Amino acid sequence: MPRHEFQPGRLVAGAFLLAAGVVYAGDADGRWQAPWFGLIPLVVGGLCLAGAVATVAGAARRRRRASSPGNGGGYR
C-alpha cells in the first residue's frame, strides 16, 4: 500500500521544471546558448499542462470515489 496517493500533476510539473534546470545547467556549462526568454514558454507551458493533468486526475478520483460500492453511493 502506498504511503501517499499518486499525484500526476506534480509529476508533470516536476518533469518540466527539471527540463528547465537541465537547459539552464547546459547554458551555464557552455554546452549551448539558451536565451533567457526561451525558458519562459517551457516553464509556463509545463505548469499549465500540470494544472490540466491535476484537474483531470482530481475529477477521475472524485468520480471513482462517488461510484465506489463501499461508499453507499453518497457524497463525502
N, C-alpha and C. Protein backbone atom coordinates (compact mmCIF):
# COMPACT_ATOMS: atom_id res chain seq x y z
N MET A 1 0.85 -1.17 0.00
CA MET A 1 0.00 0.00 0.00
C MET A 1 0.90 1.24 0.00
N PRO A 2 0.61 2.18 -0.90
CA PRO A 2 1.45 3.38 -0.95
C PRO A 2 1.26 4.28 0.27
N ARG A 3 2.28 5.03 0.60
CA ARG A 3 2.21 5.93 1.75
C ARG A 3 1.40 7.18 1.45
N HIS A 4 1.30 7.53 0.18
CA HIS A 4 0.51 8.69 -0.23
C HIS A 4 -0.09 8.40 -1.58
N GLU A 5 -1.11 9.15 -1.94
CA GLU A 5 -1.72 8.90 -3.24
C GLU A 5 -0.92 9.58 -4.34
N PHE A 6 -0.93 8.96 -5.50
CA PHE A 6 -0.19 9.43 -6.65
C PHE A 6 -0.83 10.70 -7.18
N GLN A 7 -0.01 11.73 -7.44
CA GLN A 7 -0.49 12.99 -7.97
C GLN A 7 0.24 13.28 -9.28
N PRO A 8 -0.40 12.95 -10.41
CA PRO A 8 0.27 13.10 -11.70
C PRO A 8 0.56 14.55 -12.08
N GLY A 9 -0.20 15.50 -11.57
CA GLY A 9 0.06 16.90 -11.86
C GLY A 9 1.41 17.34 -11.33
N ARG A 10 1.74 16.90 -10.15
CA ARG A 10 3.05 17.24 -9.57
C ARG A 10 4.18 16.56 -10.34
N LEU A 11 3.93 15.37 -10.85
CA LEU A 11 4.93 14.68 -11.66
C LEU A 11 5.23 15.46 -12.94
N VAL A 12 4.18 15.93 -13.60
CA VAL A 12 4.35 16.70 -14.84
C VAL A 12 5.07 18.02 -14.55
N ALA A 13 4.65 18.71 -13.51
CA ALA A 13 5.30 19.97 -13.16
C ALA A 13 6.77 19.75 -12.84
N GLY A 14 7.08 18.71 -12.10
CA GLY A 14 8.46 18.41 -11.77
C GLY A 14 9.29 18.07 -12.99
N ALA A 15 8.70 17.35 -13.94
CA ALA A 15 9.44 16.99 -15.15
C ALA A 15 9.78 18.23 -15.98
N PHE A 16 8.83 19.15 -16.11
CA PHE A 16 9.09 20.36 -16.88
C PHE A 16 10.08 21.28 -16.18
N LEU A 17 9.99 21.38 -14.86
CA LEU A 17 10.95 22.21 -14.14
C LEU A 17 12.34 21.58 -14.15
N LEU A 18 12.39 20.25 -14.13
CA LEU A 18 13.68 19.57 -14.26
C LEU A 18 14.29 19.82 -15.63
N ALA A 19 13.45 19.79 -16.67
CA ALA A 19 13.94 20.08 -18.02
C ALA A 19 14.47 21.51 -18.11
N ALA A 20 13.78 22.45 -17.49
CA ALA A 20 14.26 23.84 -17.49
C ALA A 20 15.59 23.94 -16.74
N GLY A 21 15.74 23.21 -15.67
CA GLY A 21 17.00 23.20 -14.94
C GLY A 21 18.14 22.61 -15.76
N VAL A 22 17.84 21.58 -16.54
CA VAL A 22 18.86 20.97 -17.40
C VAL A 22 19.28 21.96 -18.48
N VAL A 23 18.33 22.70 -19.04
CA VAL A 23 18.66 23.70 -20.05
C VAL A 23 19.53 24.80 -19.45
N TYR A 24 19.17 25.28 -18.28
CA TYR A 24 19.97 26.31 -17.61
C TYR A 24 21.37 25.77 -17.26
N ALA A 25 21.45 24.53 -16.80
CA ALA A 25 22.74 23.96 -16.46
C ALA A 25 23.62 23.81 -17.69
N GLY A 26 23.02 23.40 -18.79
CA GLY A 26 23.78 23.29 -20.03
C GLY A 26 24.26 24.64 -20.52
N ASP A 27 23.45 25.67 -20.33
CA ASP A 27 23.85 27.01 -20.70
C ASP A 27 24.98 27.51 -19.79
N ALA A 28 24.89 27.24 -18.52
CA ALA A 28 25.92 27.68 -17.58
C ALA A 28 27.24 26.94 -17.82
N ASP A 29 27.16 25.70 -18.26
CA ASP A 29 28.35 24.91 -18.52
C ASP A 29 29.00 25.28 -19.86
N GLY A 30 28.26 25.96 -20.71
CA GLY A 30 28.79 26.36 -22.00
C GLY A 30 28.55 25.36 -23.11
N ARG A 31 27.73 24.37 -22.86
CA ARG A 31 27.43 23.37 -23.89
C ARG A 31 26.58 23.95 -25.01
N TRP A 32 25.69 24.87 -24.69
CA TRP A 32 24.86 25.54 -25.68
C TRP A 32 24.45 26.90 -25.16
N GLN A 33 23.92 27.71 -26.03
CA GLN A 33 23.43 29.04 -25.67
C GLN A 33 21.91 28.99 -25.59
N ALA A 34 21.36 29.28 -24.45
CA ALA A 34 19.91 29.32 -24.26
C ALA A 34 19.52 30.75 -23.90
N PRO A 35 18.68 31.39 -24.73
CA PRO A 35 18.26 32.75 -24.38
C PRO A 35 17.39 32.72 -23.12
N TRP A 36 17.45 33.80 -22.35
CA TRP A 36 16.72 33.84 -21.09
C TRP A 36 15.22 33.75 -21.31
N PHE A 37 14.73 34.28 -22.43
CA PHE A 37 13.29 34.26 -22.68
C PHE A 37 12.83 32.93 -23.29
N GLY A 38 13.75 32.06 -23.63
CA GLY A 38 13.38 30.78 -24.23
C GLY A 38 12.78 29.79 -23.24
N LEU A 39 13.09 29.97 -21.97
CA LEU A 39 12.58 29.03 -20.98
C LEU A 39 11.23 29.42 -20.41
N ILE A 40 10.81 30.64 -20.67
CA ILE A 40 9.51 31.07 -20.16
C ILE A 40 8.38 30.20 -20.72
N PRO A 41 8.33 29.95 -22.04
CA PRO A 41 7.27 29.05 -22.54
C PRO A 41 7.38 27.63 -22.00
N LEU A 42 8.60 27.16 -21.77
CA LEU A 42 8.77 25.82 -21.22
C LEU A 42 8.19 25.72 -19.82
N VAL A 43 8.51 26.68 -18.98
CA VAL A 43 8.03 26.63 -17.59
C VAL A 43 6.52 26.91 -17.52
N VAL A 44 6.07 27.94 -18.21
CA VAL A 44 4.64 28.28 -18.16
C VAL A 44 3.80 27.19 -18.81
N GLY A 45 4.26 26.68 -19.93
CA GLY A 45 3.53 25.58 -20.59
C GLY A 45 3.48 24.34 -19.72
N GLY A 46 4.59 24.04 -19.06
CA GLY A 46 4.61 22.88 -18.17
C GLY A 46 3.69 23.03 -16.98
N LEU A 47 3.64 24.24 -16.43
CA LEU A 47 2.74 24.47 -15.30
C LEU A 47 1.27 24.42 -15.72
N CYS A 48 0.98 24.94 -16.90
CA CYS A 48 -0.40 24.86 -17.41
C CYS A 48 -0.80 23.41 -17.69
N LEU A 49 0.11 22.66 -18.29
CA LEU A 49 -0.17 21.25 -18.54
C LEU A 49 -0.32 20.48 -17.22
N ALA A 50 0.49 20.81 -16.24
CA ALA A 50 0.37 20.16 -14.93
C ALA A 50 -0.96 20.47 -14.28
N GLY A 51 -1.42 21.71 -14.41
CA GLY A 51 -2.73 22.06 -13.88
C GLY A 51 -3.86 21.30 -14.55
N ALA A 52 -3.76 21.15 -15.87
CA ALA A 52 -4.78 20.39 -16.60
C ALA A 52 -4.77 18.92 -16.19
N VAL A 53 -3.59 18.35 -16.05
CA VAL A 53 -3.47 16.95 -15.63
C VAL A 53 -4.01 16.76 -14.22
N ALA A 54 -3.71 17.69 -13.34
CA ALA A 54 -4.21 17.60 -11.96
C ALA A 54 -5.73 17.72 -11.91
N THR A 55 -6.29 18.58 -12.76
CA THR A 55 -7.75 18.73 -12.80
C THR A 55 -8.42 17.45 -13.28
N VAL A 56 -7.89 16.86 -14.34
CA VAL A 56 -8.46 15.62 -14.87
C VAL A 56 -8.30 14.49 -13.86
N ALA A 57 -7.14 14.40 -13.24
CA ALA A 57 -6.92 13.34 -12.25
C ALA A 57 -7.84 13.53 -11.04
N GLY A 58 -8.03 14.76 -10.60
CA GLY A 58 -8.92 15.01 -9.48
C GLY A 58 -10.36 14.67 -9.80
N ALA A 59 -10.79 15.00 -11.02
CA ALA A 59 -12.16 14.66 -11.43
C ALA A 59 -12.34 13.15 -11.51
N ALA A 60 -11.35 12.45 -12.04
CA ALA A 60 -11.44 10.99 -12.11
C ALA A 60 -11.44 10.38 -10.72
N ARG A 61 -10.65 10.95 -9.82
CA ARG A 61 -10.59 10.43 -8.45
C ARG A 61 -11.93 10.65 -7.74
N ARG A 62 -12.53 11.84 -7.91
CA ARG A 62 -13.82 12.11 -7.28
C ARG A 62 -14.92 11.22 -7.86
N ARG A 63 -14.88 11.00 -9.18
CA ARG A 63 -15.90 10.17 -9.81
C ARG A 63 -15.77 8.72 -9.34
N ARG A 64 -14.53 8.25 -9.22
CA ARG A 64 -14.32 6.87 -8.76
C ARG A 64 -14.75 6.73 -7.31
N ARG A 65 -14.47 7.75 -6.50
CA ARG A 65 -14.84 7.69 -5.09
C ARG A 65 -16.35 7.73 -4.91
N ALA A 66 -17.06 8.49 -5.75
CA ALA A 66 -18.51 8.62 -5.63
C ALA A 66 -19.20 7.33 -6.07
N SER A 67 -18.63 6.62 -7.02
CA SER A 67 -19.27 5.39 -7.50
C SER A 67 -18.78 4.15 -6.79
N SER A 68 -17.95 4.32 -5.76
CA SER A 68 -17.42 3.18 -5.02
C SER A 68 -18.55 2.47 -4.28
N PRO A 69 -18.60 1.13 -4.34
CA PRO A 69 -19.68 0.41 -3.64
C PRO A 69 -19.59 0.52 -2.13
N GLY A 70 -18.43 0.73 -1.57
CA GLY A 70 -18.30 0.84 -0.13
C GLY A 70 -18.74 2.20 0.40
N ASN A 71 -18.96 3.15 -0.50
CA ASN A 71 -19.33 4.49 -0.10
C ASN A 71 -20.84 4.65 0.07
N GLY A 72 -21.61 3.72 -0.42
CA GLY A 72 -23.06 3.83 -0.32
C GLY A 72 -23.65 4.72 -1.40
N GLY A 73 -22.86 5.16 -2.34
CA GLY A 73 -23.35 5.98 -3.44
C GLY A 73 -23.54 7.44 -3.08
N GLY A 74 -23.24 7.82 -1.86
CA GLY A 74 -23.44 9.21 -1.43
C GLY A 74 -22.19 10.04 -1.61
N TYR A 75 -22.31 11.29 -1.25
CA TYR A 75 -21.16 12.20 -1.35
C TYR A 75 -20.42 12.20 -0.04
N ARG A 76 -19.16 12.55 -0.13
CA ARG A 76 -18.33 12.65 1.08
C ARG A 76 -18.33 14.04 1.58
